[in-house]
């Protein structure tokens, strides 16, 4: 089971559902009590602390739950699907 994050502008990125529900994954809409600015991904962005930043979409507009994995924008263009920074998983 997988989650495809959809952002404004057509950007997408994917994660296994199990990773998406990790306790440290956040849907951020404020910082220090203020609305998240557009430059930082507002009105809402996904933060995935255990993965490289492209695995959390800025300007999120929806989530698609899928039975099979579907590569997002960067994954379809050669970036790692697992994106583990401790294993230096940047590219395929």
PDB file of N, CA and C in Angstrom:
ATOM      1  N   UNK A   1       0.843  -1.173   0.000  1.00  0.00           N
ATOM      2  CA  UNK A   1       0.000   0.000   0.000  1.00  0.00           C
ATOM      3  C   UNK A   1       0.889   1.237   0.000  1.00  0.00           C
ATOM      4  N   UNK A   2       0.492   2.218  -0.799  1.00  0.00           N
ATOM      5  CA  UNK A   2       1.322   3.400  -1.022  1.00  0.00           C
ATOM      6  C   UNK A   2       0.487   4.673  -1.000  1.00  0.00           C
ATOM      7  N   UNK A   3       1.174   5.786  -0.770  1.00  0.00           N
ATOM      8  CA  UNK A   3       0.544   7.102  -0.775  1.00  0.00           C
ATOM      9  C   UNK A   3       1.293   7.973  -1.772  1.00  0.00           C
ATOM     10  N   UNK A   4       0.554   8.554  -2.706  1.00  0.00           N
ATOM     11  CA  UNK A   4       1.119   9.501  -3.658  1.00  0.00           C
ATOM     12  C   UNK A   4       0.672  10.892  -3.218  1.00  0.00           C
ATOM     13  N   UNK A   5       1.648  11.741  -2.904  1.00  0.00           N
ATOM     14  CA  UNK A   5       1.354  13.110  -2.492  1.00  0.00           C
ATOM     15  C   UNK A   5       1.256  13.972  -3.746  1.00  0.00           C
ATOM     16  N   UNK A   6       0.194  14.744  -3.846  1.00  0.00           N
ATOM     17  CA  UNK A   6      -0.009  15.652  -4.979  1.00  0.00           C
ATOM     18  C   UNK A   6       0.155  17.086  -4.489  1.00  0.00           C
ATOM     19  N   UNK A   7       0.955  17.864  -5.223  1.00  0.00           N
ATOM     20  CA  UNK A   7       1.180  19.263  -4.873  1.00  0.00           C
ATOM     21  C   UNK A   7       0.676  20.158  -5.993  1.00  0.00           C
ATOM     22  N   UNK A   8       0.416  21.407  -5.653  1.00  0.00           N
ATOM     23  CA  UNK A   8       0.063  22.382  -6.682  1.00  0.00           C
ATOM     24  C   UNK A   8       1.220  22.475  -7.666  1.00  0.00           C
ATOM     25  N   UNK A   9       0.908  22.648  -8.937  1.00  0.00           N
ATOM     26  CA  UNK A   9       1.932  22.705  -9.973  1.00  0.00           C
ATOM     27  C   UNK A   9       2.212  21.357 -10.602  1.00  0.00           C
ATOM     28  N   UNK A  10       1.498  20.309 -10.156  1.00  0.00           N
ATOM     29  CA  UNK A  10       1.645  18.999 -10.766  1.00  0.00           C
ATOM     30  C   UNK A  10       2.707  18.102 -10.166  1.00  0.00           C
ATOM     31  N   UNK A  11       3.446  18.570  -9.177  1.00  0.00           N
ATOM     32  CA  UNK A  11       4.485  17.762  -8.541  1.00  0.00           C
ATOM     33  C   UNK A  11       3.850  16.629  -7.744  1.00  0.00           C
ATOM     34  N   UNK A  12       4.481  15.458  -7.778  1.00  0.00           N
ATOM     35  CA  UNK A  12       4.052  14.315  -6.971  1.00  0.00           C
ATOM     36  C   UNK A  12       5.277  13.644  -6.369  1.00  0.00           C
ATOM     37  N   UNK A  13       5.066  12.964  -5.267  1.00  0.00           N
ATOM     38  CA  UNK A  13       6.088  12.100  -4.685  1.00  0.00           C
ATOM     39  C   UNK A  13       5.376  10.978  -3.939  1.00  0.00           C
ATOM     40  N   UNK A  14       6.045   9.852  -3.823  1.00  0.00           N
ATOM     41  CA  UNK A  14       5.413   8.654  -3.278  1.00  0.00           C
ATOM     42  C   UNK A  14       6.114   8.169  -2.019  1.00  0.00           C
ATOM     43  N   UNK A  15       5.355   7.472  -1.184  1.00  0.00           N
ATOM     44  CA  UNK A  15       5.887   6.806   0.001  1.00  0.00           C
ATOM     45  C   UNK A  15       5.044   5.572   0.282  1.00  0.00           C
ATOM     46  N   UNK A  16       5.670   4.516   0.797  1.00  0.00           N
ATOM     47  CA  UNK A  16       4.851   3.422   1.309  1.00  0.00           C
ATOM     48  C   UNK A  16       3.979   3.949   2.456  1.00  0.00           C
ATOM     49  N   UNK A  17       2.779   3.463   2.554  1.00  0.00           N
ATOM     50  CA  UNK A  17       1.869   3.902   3.611  1.00  0.00           C
ATOM     51  C   UNK A  17       2.521   3.752   4.983  1.00  0.00           C
ATOM     52  N   UNK A  18       3.252   2.678   5.197  1.00  0.00           N
ATOM     53  CA  UNK A  18       3.894   2.438   6.492  1.00  0.00           C
ATOM     54  C   UNK A  18       4.850   3.570   6.868  1.00  0.00           C
ATOM     55  N   UNK A  19       5.562   4.110   5.886  1.00  0.00           N
ATOM     56  CA  UNK A  19       6.466   5.239   6.161  1.00  0.00           C
ATOM     57  C   UNK A  19       5.678   6.520   6.390  1.00  0.00           C
ATOM     58  N   UNK A  20       4.586   6.672   5.688  1.00  0.00           N
ATOM     59  CA  UNK A  20       3.784   7.895   5.785  1.00  0.00           C
ATOM     60  C   UNK A  20       3.157   8.041   7.172  1.00  0.00           C
ATOM     61  N   UNK A  21       2.913   6.915   7.843  1.00  0.00           N
ATOM     62  CA  UNK A  21       2.288   6.981   9.166  1.00  0.00           C
ATOM     63  C   UNK A  21       3.310   6.887  10.297  1.00  0.00           C
ATOM     64  N   UNK A  22       4.615   6.991   9.973  1.00  0.00           N
ATOM     65  CA  UNK A  22       5.631   7.064  11.024  1.00  0.00           C
ATOM     66  C   UNK A  22       5.292   8.214  11.964  1.00  0.00           C
ATOM     67  N   UNK A  23       5.603   8.038  13.236  1.00  0.00           N
ATOM     68  CA  UNK A  23       5.238   9.052  14.232  1.00  0.00           C
ATOM     69  C   UNK A  23       5.913  10.402  14.021  1.00  0.00           C
ATOM     70  N   UNK A  24       7.017  10.440  13.269  1.00  0.00           N
ATOM     71  CA  UNK A  24       7.706  11.720  13.077  1.00  0.00           C
ATOM     72  C   UNK A  24       7.352  12.424  11.767  1.00  0.00           C
ATOM     73  N   UNK A  25       6.529  11.814  10.914  1.00  0.00           N
ATOM     74  CA  UNK A  25       6.082  12.479   9.684  1.00  0.00           C
ATOM     75  C   UNK A  25       5.048  13.537  10.065  1.00  0.00           C
ATOM     76  N   UNK A  26       5.203  14.721   9.484  1.00  0.00           N
ATOM     77  CA  UNK A  26       4.322  15.834   9.853  1.00  0.00           C
ATOM     78  C   UNK A  26       3.656  16.457   8.631  1.00  0.00           C
ATOM     79  N   UNK A  27       2.447  16.931   8.834  1.00  0.00           N
ATOM     80  CA  UNK A  27       1.763  17.805   7.886  1.00  0.00           C
ATOM     81  C   UNK A  27       1.851  19.198   8.511  1.00  0.00           C
ATOM     82  N   UNK A  28       2.771  20.005   8.015  1.00  0.00           N
ATOM     83  CA  UNK A  28       3.044  21.307   8.628  1.00  0.00           C
ATOM     84  C   UNK A  28       2.239  22.406   7.945  1.00  0.00           C
ATOM     85  N   UNK A  29       1.593  23.228   8.753  1.00  0.00           N
ATOM     86  CA  UNK A  29       0.847  24.373   8.230  1.00  0.00           C
ATOM     87  C   UNK A  29       1.196  25.651   8.989  1.00  0.00           C
ATOM     88  N   UNK A  30       1.893  25.510  10.119  1.00  0.00           N
ATOM     89  CA  UNK A  30       2.343  26.667  10.889  1.00  0.00           C
ATOM     90  C   UNK A  30       3.775  26.444  11.353  1.00  0.00           C
ATOM     91  N   UNK A  31       4.451  27.540  11.659  1.00  0.00           N
ATOM     92  CA  UNK A  31       5.774  27.493  12.280  1.00  0.00           C
ATOM     93  C   UNK A  31       5.843  28.652  13.272  1.00  0.00           C
ATOM     94  N   UNK A  32       6.186  28.325  14.506  1.00  0.00           N
ATOM     95  CA  UNK A  32       6.224  29.335  15.573  1.00  0.00           C
ATOM     96  C   UNK A  32       4.899  30.093  15.681  1.00  0.00           C
ATOM     97  N   UNK A  33       3.795  29.369  15.503  1.00  0.00           N
ATOM     98  CA  UNK A  33       2.468  29.957  15.652  1.00  0.00           C
ATOM     99  C   UNK A  33       1.974  30.780  14.475  1.00  0.00           C
ATOM    100  N   UNK A  34       2.757  30.842  13.413  1.00  0.00           N
ATOM    101  CA  UNK A  34       2.371  31.621  12.225  1.00  0.00           C
ATOM    102  C   UNK A  34       2.130  30.687  11.049  1.00  0.00           C
ATOM    103  N   UNK A  35       1.243  31.078  10.130  1.00  0.00           N
ATOM    104  CA  UNK A  35       1.020  30.250   8.937  1.00  0.00           C
ATOM    105  C   UNK A  35       2.323  30.033   8.166  1.00  0.00           C
ATOM    106  N   UNK A  36       2.491  28.840   7.657  1.00  0.00           N
ATOM    107  CA  UNK A  36       3.671  28.499   6.863  1.00  0.00           C
ATOM    108  C   UNK A  36       3.667  29.325   5.583  1.00  0.00           C
ATOM    109  N   UNK A  37       4.755  30.037   5.336  1.00  0.00           N
ATOM    110  CA  UNK A  37       4.845  30.887   4.154  1.00  0.00           C
ATOM    111  C   UNK A  37       4.997  30.050   2.886  1.00  0.00           C
ATOM    112  N   UNK A  38       4.573  30.614   1.781  1.00  0.00           N
ATOM    113  CA  UNK A  38       4.641  29.933   0.482  1.00  0.00           C
ATOM    114  C   UNK A  38       6.058  29.481   0.156  1.00  0.00           C
ATOM    115  N   UNK A  39       7.048  30.304   0.459  1.00  0.00           N
ATOM    116  CA  UNK A  39       8.447  29.943   0.188  1.00  0.00           C
ATOM    117  C   UNK A  39       8.871  28.668   0.905  1.00  0.00           C
ATOM    118  N   UNK A  40       8.199  28.349   1.988  1.00  0.00           N
ATOM    119  CA  UNK A  40       8.540  27.166   2.776  1.00  0.00           C
ATOM    120  C   UNK A  40       7.533  26.035   2.597  1.00  0.00           C
ATOM    121  N   UNK A  41       6.667  26.147   1.583  1.00  0.00           N
ATOM    122  CA  UNK A  41       5.744  25.067   1.277  1.00  0.00           C
ATOM    123  C   UNK A  41       4.313  25.291   1.698  1.00  0.00           C
ATOM    124  N   UNK A  42       4.009  26.462   2.238  1.00  0.00           N
ATOM    125  CA  UNK A  42       2.648  26.757   2.673  1.00  0.00           C
ATOM    126  C   UNK A  42       1.686  26.871   1.508  1.00  0.00           C
ATOM    127  N   UNK A  43       0.436  26.580   1.746  1.00  0.00           N
ATOM    128  CA  UNK A  43      -0.207  26.543   3.044  1.00  0.00           C
ATOM    129  C   UNK A  43       0.035  25.260   3.841  1.00  0.00           C
ATOM    130  N   UNK A  44       0.453  24.176   3.200  1.00  0.00           N
ATOM    131  CA  UNK A  44       0.750  22.947   3.933  1.00  0.00           C
ATOM    132  C   UNK A  44       1.802  22.149   3.188  1.00  0.00           C
ATOM    133  N   UNK A  45       2.680  21.519   3.963  1.00  0.00           N
ATOM    134  CA  UNK A  45       3.690  20.644   3.372  1.00  0.00           C
ATOM    135  C   UNK A  45       3.844  19.396   4.230  1.00  0.00           C
ATOM    136  N   UNK A  46       4.397  18.351   3.627  1.00  0.00           N
ATOM    137  CA  UNK A  46       4.689  17.111   4.335  1.00  0.00           C
ATOM    138  C   UNK A  46       6.178  17.117   4.674  1.00  0.00           C
ATOM    139  N   UNK A  47       6.510  16.762   5.904  1.00  0.00           N
ATOM    140  CA  UNK A  47       7.903  16.666   6.338  1.00  0.00           C
ATOM    141  C   UNK A  47       8.178  15.218   6.705  1.00  0.00           C
ATOM    142  N   UNK A  48       9.200  14.642   6.063  1.00  0.00           N
ATOM    143  CA  UNK A  48       9.568  13.234   6.259  1.00  0.00           C
ATOM    144  C   UNK A  48      10.998  13.166   6.799  1.00  0.00           C
ATOM    145  N   UNK A  49      11.186  13.292   8.122  1.00  0.00           N
ATOM    146  CA  UNK A  49      12.530  13.395   8.693  1.00  0.00           C
ATOM    147  C   UNK A  49      13.471  12.227   8.393  1.00  0.00           C
ATOM    148  N   UNK A  50      12.956  11.051   8.121  1.00  0.00           N
ATOM    149  CA  UNK A  50      13.825   9.889   7.873  1.00  0.00           C
ATOM    150  C   UNK A  50      14.146   9.683   6.399  1.00  0.00           C
ATOM    151  N   UNK A  51      13.712  10.602   5.553  1.00  0.00           N
ATOM    152  CA  UNK A  51      13.931  10.501   4.102  1.00  0.00           C
ATOM    153  C   UNK A  51      14.463  11.831   3.586  1.00  0.00           C
ATOM    154  N   UNK A  52      15.073  11.783   2.399  1.00  0.00           N
ATOM    155  CA  UNK A  52      15.480  13.037   1.769  1.00  0.00           C
ATOM    156  C   UNK A  52      14.243  13.907   1.540  1.00  0.00           C
ATOM    157  N   UNK A  53      14.465  15.207   1.457  1.00  0.00           N
ATOM    158  CA  UNK A  53      13.364  16.183   1.434  1.00  0.00           C
ATOM    159  C   UNK A  53      12.393  16.012   0.274  1.00  0.00           C
ATOM    160  N   UNK A  54      12.834  15.471  -0.872  1.00  0.00           N
ATOM    161  CA  UNK A  54      11.894  15.353  -1.996  1.00  0.00           C
ATOM    162  C   UNK A  54      10.782  14.347  -1.719  1.00  0.00           C
ATOM    163  N   UNK A  55      10.907  13.550  -0.645  1.00  0.00           N
ATOM    164  CA  UNK A  55       9.861  12.590  -0.305  1.00  0.00           C
ATOM    165  C   UNK A  55       8.717  13.225   0.492  1.00  0.00           C
ATOM    166  N   UNK A  56       8.806  14.508   0.763  1.00  0.00           N
ATOM    167  CA  UNK A  56       7.731  15.250   1.412  1.00  0.00           C
ATOM    168  C   UNK A  56       7.377  16.452   0.551  1.00  0.00           C
ATOM    169  N   UNK A  57       6.178  16.468   0.011  1.00  0.00           N
ATOM    170  CA  UNK A  57       5.788  17.520  -0.936  1.00  0.00           C
ATOM    171  C   UNK A  57       5.483  18.839  -0.236  1.00  0.00           C
ATOM    172  N   UNK A  58       5.888  19.924  -0.876  1.00  0.00           N
ATOM    173  CA  UNK A  58       5.464  21.268  -0.477  1.00  0.00           C
ATOM    174  C   UNK A  58       4.164  21.573  -1.221  1.00  0.00           C
ATOM    175  N   UNK A  59       3.422  22.551  -0.735  1.00  0.00           N
ATOM    176  CA  UNK A  59       2.194  23.024  -1.386  1.00  0.00           C
ATOM    177  C   UNK A  59       1.215  21.870  -1.639  1.00  0.00           C
ATOM    178  N   UNK A  60       1.067  21.008  -0.642  1.00  0.00           N
ATOM    179  CA  UNK A  60       0.263  19.788  -0.779  1.00  0.00           C
ATOM    180  C   UNK A  60      -1.198  20.140  -1.061  1.00  0.00           C
ATOM    181  N   UNK A  61      -1.784  19.404  -2.000  1.00  0.00           N
ATOM    182  CA  UNK A  61      -3.197  19.627  -2.319  1.00  0.00           C
ATOM    183  C   UNK A  61      -4.016  18.356  -2.223  1.00  0.00           C
ATOM    184  N   UNK A  62      -3.348  17.202  -2.059  1.00  0.00           N
ATOM    185  CA  UNK A  62      -4.102  15.965  -1.927  1.00  0.00           C
ATOM    186  C   UNK A  62      -3.213  14.750  -1.769  1.00  0.00           C
ATOM    187  N   UNK A  63      -3.823  13.674  -1.293  1.00  0.00           N
ATOM    188  CA  UNK A  63      -3.157  12.383  -1.140  1.00  0.00           C
ATOM    189  C   UNK A  63      -3.943  11.342  -1.914  1.00  0.00           C
ATOM    190  N   UNK A  64      -3.220  10.448  -2.581  1.00  0.00           N
ATOM    191  CA  UNK A  64      -3.843   9.354  -3.327  1.00  0.00           C
ATOM    192  C   UNK A  64      -3.334   8.046  -2.730  1.00  0.00           C
ATOM    193  N   UNK A  65      -4.246   7.206  -2.278  1.00  0.00           N
ATOM    194  CA  UNK A  65      -3.888   5.924  -1.684  1.00  0.00           C
ATOM    195  C   UNK A  65      -3.970   4.855  -2.766  1.00  0.00           C
ATOM    196  N   UNK A  66      -2.864   4.125  -2.951  1.00  0.00           N
ATOM    197  CA  UNK A  66      -2.740   3.198  -4.072  1.00  0.00           C
ATOM    198  C   UNK A  66      -2.378   1.793  -3.606  1.00  0.00           C
ATOM    199  N   UNK A  67      -2.856   0.769  -4.314  1.00  0.00           N
ATOM    200  CA  UNK A  67      -2.483  -0.598  -3.962  1.00  0.00           C
ATOM    201  C   UNK A  67      -1.059  -0.949  -4.412  1.00  0.00           C
ATOM    202  N   UNK A  68      -0.547  -0.236  -5.433  1.00  0.00           N
ATOM    203  CA  UNK A  68       0.803  -0.486  -5.956  1.00  0.00           C
ATOM    204  C   UNK A  68       1.585   0.823  -5.976  1.00  0.00           C
ATOM    205  N   UNK A  69       2.891   0.693  -5.942  1.00  0.00           N
ATOM    206  CA  UNK A  69       3.753   1.869  -5.973  1.00  0.00           C
ATOM    207  C   UNK A  69       3.665   2.570  -7.323  1.00  0.00           C
ATOM    208  N   UNK A  70       3.657   3.888  -7.292  1.00  0.00           N
ATOM    209  CA  UNK A  70       3.651   4.705  -8.504  1.00  0.00           C
ATOM    210  C   UNK A  70       4.689   5.805  -8.306  1.00  0.00           C
ATOM    211  N   UNK A  71       5.749   5.811  -9.111  1.00  0.00           N
ATOM    212  CA  UNK A  71       6.802   6.813  -8.918  1.00  0.00           C
ATOM    213  C   UNK A  71       6.274   8.234  -9.049  1.00  0.00           C
ATOM    214  N   UNK A  72       6.797   9.108  -8.206  1.00  0.00           N
ATOM    215  CA  UNK A  72       6.491  10.525  -8.295  1.00  0.00           C
ATOM    216  C   UNK A  72       7.438  11.208  -9.272  1.00  0.00           C
ATOM    217  N   UNK A  73       7.424  12.529  -9.282  1.00  0.00           N
ATOM    218  CA  UNK A  73       8.216  13.311 -10.232  1.00  0.00           C
ATOM    219  C   UNK A  73       9.700  12.971 -10.177  1.00  0.00           C
ATOM    220  N   UNK A  74      10.330  13.120  -9.005  1.00  0.00           N
ATOM    221  CA  UNK A  74      11.774  12.874  -8.919  1.00  0.00           C
ATOM    222  C   UNK A  74      12.108  11.400  -9.066  1.00  0.00           C
ATOM    223  N   UNK A  75      11.285  10.530  -8.553  1.00  0.00           N
ATOM    224  CA  UNK A  75      11.536   9.089  -8.665  1.00  0.00           C
ATOM    225  C   UNK A  75      11.502   8.657 -10.130  1.00  0.00           C
ATOM    226  N   UNK A  76      10.594   9.227 -10.911  1.00  0.00           N
ATOM    227  CA  UNK A  76      10.504   8.905 -12.345  1.00  0.00           C
ATOM    228  C   UNK A  76      11.673   9.497 -13.131  1.00  0.00           C
ATOM    229  N   UNK A  77      12.398  10.429 -12.507  1.00  0.00           N
ATOM    230  CA  UNK A  77      13.532  11.073 -13.172  1.00  0.00           C
ATOM    231  C   UNK A  77      14.877  10.657 -12.584  1.00  0.00           C
ATOM    232  N   UNK A  78      14.928   9.475 -11.994  1.00  0.00           N
ATOM    233  CA  UNK A  78      16.196   8.901 -11.581  1.00  0.00           C
ATOM    234  C   UNK A  78      16.575   9.011 -10.122  1.00  0.00           C
ATOM    235  N   UNK A  79      15.758   9.681  -9.319  1.00  0.00           N
ATOM    236  CA  UNK A  79      16.074   9.770  -7.897  1.00  0.00           C
ATOM    237  C   UNK A  79      15.627   8.496  -7.182  1.00  0.00           C
ATOM    238  N   UNK A  80      16.273   8.196  -6.071  1.00  0.00           N
ATOM    239  CA  UNK A  80      15.988   6.985  -5.310  1.00  0.00           C
ATOM    240  C   UNK A  80      14.535   6.947  -4.841  1.00  0.00           C
ATOM    241  N   UNK A  81      13.942   5.782  -4.914  1.00  0.00           N
ATOM    242  CA  UNK A  81      12.574   5.597  -4.440  1.00  0.00           C
ATOM    243  C   UNK A  81      12.531   5.465  -2.920  1.00  0.00           C
ATOM    244  N   UNK A  82      13.632   4.999  -2.318  1.00  0.00           N
ATOM    245  CA  UNK A  82      13.661   4.829  -0.866  1.00  0.00           C
ATOM    246  C   UNK A  82      14.224   6.053  -0.148  1.00  0.00           C
ATOM    247  N   UNK A  83      15.159   6.759  -0.761  1.00  0.00           N
ATOM    248  CA  UNK A  83      15.656   8.062  -0.290  1.00  0.00           C
ATOM    249  C   UNK A  83      16.104   8.076   1.166  1.00  0.00           C
ATOM    250  N   UNK A  84      16.854   7.062   1.559  1.00  0.00           N
ATOM    251  CA  UNK A  84      17.357   6.983   2.932  1.00  0.00           C
ATOM    252  C   UNK A  84      18.670   7.763   3.032  1.00  0.00           C
ATOM    253  N   UNK A  85      18.693   8.891   3.752  1.00  0.00           N
ATOM    254  CA  UNK A  85      19.915   9.693   3.807  1.00  0.00           C
ATOM    255  C   UNK A  85      21.065   9.006   4.540  1.00  0.00           C
ATOM    256  N   UNK A  86      20.774   8.082   5.454  1.00  0.00           N
ATOM    257  CA  UNK A  86      21.829   7.392   6.184  1.00  0.00           C
ATOM    258  C   UNK A  86      22.508   6.329   5.329  1.00  0.00           C
ATOM    259  N   UNK A  87      21.870   5.958   4.223  1.00  0.00           N
ATOM    260  CA  UNK A  87      22.466   5.011   3.274  1.00  0.00           C
ATOM    261  C   UNK A  87      22.890   5.712   1.993  1.00  0.00           C
ATOM    262  N   UNK A  88      22.811   7.044   1.975  1.00  0.00           N
ATOM    263  CA  UNK A  88      23.171   7.870   0.818  1.00  0.00           C
ATOM    264  C   UNK A  88      22.410   7.441  -0.439  1.00  0.00           C
ATOM    265  N   UNK A  89      21.127   7.134  -0.281  1.00  0.00           N
ATOM    266  CA  UNK A  89      20.285   6.688  -1.393  1.00  0.00           C
ATOM    267  C   UNK A  89      19.664   7.890  -2.097  1.00  0.00           C
ATOM    268  N   UNK A  90      20.430   8.475  -2.996  1.00  0.00           N
ATOM    269  CA  UNK A  90      19.952   9.656  -3.717  1.00  0.00           C
ATOM    270  C   UNK A  90      19.442   9.318  -5.107  1.00  0.00           C
ATOM    271  N   UNK A  91      20.171   8.477  -5.809  1.00  0.00           N
ATOM    272  CA  UNK A  91      19.831   8.168  -7.199  1.00  0.00           C
ATOM    273  C   UNK A  91      19.711   6.660  -7.365  1.00  0.00           C
ATOM    274  N   UNK A  92      19.017   6.245  -8.424  1.00  0.00           N
ATOM    275  CA  UNK A  92      18.850   4.814  -8.721  1.00  0.00           C
ATOM    276  C   UNK A  92      20.178   4.184  -8.999  1.00  0.00           C
TER     277      UNK A  92
END
